[in-house]
Amino acid sequence: MTAWSWTGSHGHRLLLRTPMPVLAPAWVARMDGAAGIRTYVLPDVPAVTVSQNGHARTLTLNPLLEGSRHGG
């Protein structure tokens, strides 16, 4: 899983690449890529809930976002 945060014309957003389906928060956009990797545009939130092996799992994103915040 990889995450980036940025501020653009639509406010703060989060770009998340993961093989796991995102359950929450509601995503703004999604693109399916090779090898089952999905890329989501989400509100800039500190945690997401994903489905892993049929179970909901909440993941904290702060460690993933260290040093990855970009201005627009």
N, C-alpha and C. Protein backbone atom coordinates (compact mmCIF):
# COMPACT_ATOMS: atom_id res chain seq x y z
N MET A 1 0.86 -1.17 0.00
CA MET A 1 0.00 0.00 0.00
C MET A 1 0.90 1.23 0.00
N THR A 2 0.53 2.21 -0.83
CA THR A 2 1.24 3.47 -0.91
C THR A 2 0.23 4.59 -0.86
N ALA A 3 0.57 5.67 -0.14
CA ALA A 3 -0.36 6.79 -0.02
C ALA A 3 0.37 8.11 -0.18
N TRP A 4 -0.31 9.07 -0.84
CA TRP A 4 0.18 10.43 -0.98
C TRP A 4 -0.95 11.37 -0.64
N SER A 5 -0.60 12.52 -0.10
CA SER A 5 -1.58 13.55 0.22
C SER A 5 -1.18 14.83 -0.52
N TRP A 6 -2.18 15.56 -1.05
CA TRP A 6 -1.87 16.81 -1.72
C TRP A 6 -3.04 17.77 -1.59
N THR A 7 -2.76 19.04 -1.85
CA THR A 7 -3.78 20.07 -1.87
C THR A 7 -3.88 20.59 -3.30
N GLY A 8 -5.05 20.50 -3.87
CA GLY A 8 -5.27 20.96 -5.24
C GLY A 8 -6.48 21.85 -5.32
N SER A 9 -6.99 22.00 -6.53
CA SER A 9 -8.13 22.90 -6.76
C SER A 9 -9.41 22.43 -6.06
N HIS A 10 -9.48 21.15 -5.70
CA HIS A 10 -10.66 20.61 -5.00
C HIS A 10 -10.40 20.39 -3.52
N GLY A 11 -9.34 21.00 -2.98
CA GLY A 11 -9.03 20.87 -1.56
C GLY A 11 -8.04 19.75 -1.29
N HIS A 12 -8.02 19.30 -0.05
CA HIS A 12 -7.09 18.25 0.37
C HIS A 12 -7.59 16.89 -0.12
N ARG A 13 -6.70 16.11 -0.71
CA ARG A 13 -7.04 14.79 -1.23
C ARG A 13 -5.96 13.79 -0.85
N LEU A 14 -6.32 12.52 -0.92
CA LEU A 14 -5.42 11.42 -0.65
C LEU A 14 -5.44 10.49 -1.85
N LEU A 15 -4.27 10.10 -2.33
CA LEU A 15 -4.14 9.11 -3.40
C LEU A 15 -3.63 7.84 -2.75
N LEU A 16 -4.37 6.75 -2.90
CA LEU A 16 -4.04 5.50 -2.23
C LEU A 16 -3.97 4.37 -3.26
N ARG A 17 -2.85 3.65 -3.29
CA ARG A 17 -2.68 2.48 -4.16
C ARG A 17 -2.66 1.24 -3.27
N THR A 18 -3.55 0.29 -3.53
CA THR A 18 -3.67 -0.90 -2.69
C THR A 18 -4.36 -2.02 -3.46
N PRO A 19 -4.05 -3.28 -3.16
CA PRO A 19 -4.79 -4.38 -3.75
C PRO A 19 -6.12 -4.65 -3.03
N MET A 20 -6.31 -4.02 -1.86
CA MET A 20 -7.50 -4.26 -1.05
C MET A 20 -8.61 -3.26 -1.39
N PRO A 21 -9.86 -3.71 -1.50
CA PRO A 21 -10.96 -2.77 -1.74
C PRO A 21 -11.15 -1.82 -0.55
N VAL A 22 -11.34 -0.54 -0.84
CA VAL A 22 -11.58 0.47 0.19
C VAL A 22 -13.08 0.49 0.51
N LEU A 23 -13.42 0.33 1.79
CA LEU A 23 -14.81 0.35 2.25
C LEU A 23 -15.22 1.73 2.73
N ALA A 24 -14.30 2.45 3.38
CA ALA A 24 -14.59 3.79 3.91
C ALA A 24 -13.29 4.55 4.04
N PRO A 25 -13.31 5.83 3.80
CA PRO A 25 -14.45 6.66 3.44
C PRO A 25 -14.84 6.44 1.98
N ALA A 26 -15.94 7.04 1.58
CA ALA A 26 -16.37 6.95 0.18
C ALA A 26 -15.30 7.59 -0.69
N TRP A 27 -14.93 6.91 -1.77
CA TRP A 27 -13.89 7.43 -2.64
C TRP A 27 -14.48 8.39 -3.67
N VAL A 28 -13.63 9.30 -4.15
CA VAL A 28 -14.01 10.28 -5.16
C VAL A 28 -13.84 9.68 -6.55
N ALA A 29 -12.76 8.90 -6.74
CA ALA A 29 -12.48 8.25 -8.02
C ALA A 29 -11.69 6.98 -7.74
N ARG A 30 -11.79 6.02 -8.70
CA ARG A 30 -11.05 4.76 -8.56
C ARG A 30 -10.61 4.31 -9.95
N MET A 31 -9.40 3.75 -10.01
CA MET A 31 -8.90 3.20 -11.26
C MET A 31 -8.29 1.84 -10.96
N ASP A 32 -8.67 0.83 -11.75
CA ASP A 32 -8.11 -0.51 -11.58
C ASP A 32 -6.88 -0.63 -12.46
N GLY A 33 -5.80 -1.17 -11.89
CA GLY A 33 -4.55 -1.31 -12.62
C GLY A 33 -4.14 -2.76 -12.75
N ALA A 34 -2.92 -2.95 -13.19
CA ALA A 34 -2.37 -4.28 -13.40
C ALA A 34 -2.18 -5.00 -12.06
N ALA A 35 -2.22 -6.31 -12.13
CA ALA A 35 -1.96 -7.17 -10.97
C ALA A 35 -2.90 -6.92 -9.80
N GLY A 36 -4.11 -6.43 -10.07
CA GLY A 36 -5.10 -6.25 -9.01
C GLY A 36 -4.90 -5.02 -8.15
N ILE A 37 -3.99 -4.13 -8.53
CA ILE A 37 -3.77 -2.91 -7.76
C ILE A 37 -4.84 -1.89 -8.13
N ARG A 38 -5.46 -1.31 -7.13
CA ARG A 38 -6.45 -0.26 -7.34
C ARG A 38 -5.88 1.05 -6.83
N THR A 39 -6.20 2.13 -7.52
CA THR A 39 -5.80 3.46 -7.09
C THR A 39 -7.06 4.25 -6.77
N TYR A 40 -7.10 4.81 -5.58
CA TYR A 40 -8.27 5.56 -5.12
C TYR A 40 -7.89 7.01 -4.87
N VAL A 41 -8.79 7.93 -5.19
CA VAL A 41 -8.72 9.31 -4.75
C VAL A 41 -9.76 9.43 -3.65
N LEU A 42 -9.30 9.84 -2.46
CA LEU A 42 -10.14 9.90 -1.27
C LEU A 42 -10.04 11.28 -0.63
N PRO A 43 -10.96 11.61 0.27
CA PRO A 43 -10.75 12.79 1.11
C PRO A 43 -9.46 12.57 1.90
N ASP A 44 -8.79 13.64 2.28
CA ASP A 44 -7.54 13.53 3.05
C ASP A 44 -7.89 13.15 4.49
N VAL A 45 -7.86 11.85 4.78
CA VAL A 45 -8.25 11.31 6.08
C VAL A 45 -7.06 10.60 6.73
N PRO A 46 -7.05 10.45 8.06
CA PRO A 46 -5.94 9.78 8.73
C PRO A 46 -6.01 8.26 8.70
N ALA A 47 -7.18 7.68 8.32
CA ALA A 47 -7.33 6.23 8.32
C ALA A 47 -8.36 5.82 7.27
N VAL A 48 -8.21 4.60 6.76
CA VAL A 48 -9.19 4.05 5.82
C VAL A 48 -9.57 2.65 6.29
N THR A 49 -10.77 2.23 5.92
CA THR A 49 -11.21 0.87 6.20
C THR A 49 -11.19 0.11 4.88
N VAL A 50 -10.50 -1.04 4.88
CA VAL A 50 -10.37 -1.85 3.67
C VAL A 50 -10.91 -3.25 3.96
N SER A 51 -11.15 -4.00 2.91
CA SER A 51 -11.55 -5.40 3.05
C SER A 51 -10.32 -6.26 2.80
N GLN A 52 -9.94 -7.05 3.79
CA GLN A 52 -8.79 -7.94 3.66
C GLN A 52 -9.25 -9.36 3.98
N ASN A 53 -9.24 -10.22 2.97
CA ASN A 53 -9.70 -11.60 3.13
C ASN A 53 -11.12 -11.67 3.68
N GLY A 54 -11.98 -10.74 3.24
CA GLY A 54 -13.37 -10.74 3.65
C GLY A 54 -13.65 -10.09 4.99
N HIS A 55 -12.63 -9.53 5.63
CA HIS A 55 -12.79 -8.89 6.93
C HIS A 55 -12.47 -7.41 6.82
N ALA A 56 -13.27 -6.57 7.47
CA ALA A 56 -13.01 -5.13 7.50
C ALA A 56 -11.82 -4.86 8.40
N ARG A 57 -10.90 -4.04 7.91
CA ARG A 57 -9.69 -3.70 8.67
C ARG A 57 -9.44 -2.21 8.52
N THR A 58 -9.30 -1.50 9.64
CA THR A 58 -9.03 -0.07 9.60
C THR A 58 -7.53 0.15 9.69
N LEU A 59 -7.00 0.91 8.72
CA LEU A 59 -5.57 1.16 8.64
C LEU A 59 -5.29 2.64 8.88
N THR A 60 -4.34 2.93 9.76
CA THR A 60 -3.90 4.30 10.00
C THR A 60 -2.87 4.67 8.95
N LEU A 61 -3.07 5.81 8.31
CA LEU A 61 -2.21 6.20 7.20
C LEU A 61 -1.07 7.13 7.58
N ASN A 62 -1.06 7.70 8.77
CA ASN A 62 -0.03 8.66 9.13
C ASN A 62 1.39 8.17 8.87
N PRO A 63 1.76 6.93 9.22
CA PRO A 63 3.13 6.48 8.92
C PRO A 63 3.41 6.43 7.42
N LEU A 64 2.42 6.11 6.61
CA LEU A 64 2.61 6.05 5.15
C LEU A 64 2.78 7.44 4.56
N LEU A 65 2.19 8.45 5.19
CA LEU A 65 2.19 9.79 4.62
C LEU A 65 3.37 10.64 5.05
N GLU A 66 4.20 10.17 5.99
CA GLU A 66 5.34 10.95 6.43
C GLU A 66 6.18 11.36 5.24
N GLY A 67 6.36 12.64 5.05
CA GLY A 67 7.20 13.15 3.97
C GLY A 67 6.56 13.12 2.59
N SER A 68 5.27 12.80 2.50
CA SER A 68 4.64 12.69 1.17
C SER A 68 3.57 13.75 0.93
N ARG A 69 3.51 14.78 1.75
CA ARG A 69 2.49 15.81 1.57
C ARG A 69 2.98 16.84 0.55
N HIS A 70 2.12 17.13 -0.43
CA HIS A 70 2.48 18.04 -1.52
C HIS A 70 1.46 19.15 -1.63
N GLY A 71 1.92 20.34 -1.93
CA GLY A 71 1.03 21.47 -2.19
C GLY A 71 0.71 21.56 -3.66
N GLY A 72 -0.40 22.22 -4.00
CA GLY A 72 -0.81 22.30 -5.39
C GLY A 72 -0.84 23.69 -5.92
